[in-house]
């Protein structure tokens, strides 16, 4: 399953990057994510940092460990799962656009496993809808803070 979605947020590039790269903010804008726990000392936005998310999807709760594999402020941030039922990689690409706005593109790659294997095609449709809704929530949240 490969999904790519973008949104333009009326906030400065660095502000959007800092908020999104701080994985402790995930539960505020990504509706499946209920909790984020740090597995390493320090901030959750540096390469090598590990964290666990508790997410609820299709009525089931899952814990998945992630590692930050790319942290390139203010342009790119990538996390890769280190297990769990759905191996995945999330890349966020940040671009400054006219008027001091930021285009955020989320690229998600992964292959469903376990419980999700049979639902692969449906997961892609649901995933697109979920990622689009999450980006719109993020946009609304950040623009309201401004």
Foldseek 3Di string as FASTA:
>chain_A
DKEKDKDKALAALQVLQVQVLQCQNCVQQQVQWDGKAWPDDDTNRDAQTKIWTWGADPRDTWIWMWGWHDRDPRAKTKIWTPDIQKTKMWMWGWDQDPPRMIMIMIIMDIAGGDPCNVVVVVCRVVVNVSVNRSVVSSRVVVNVVD
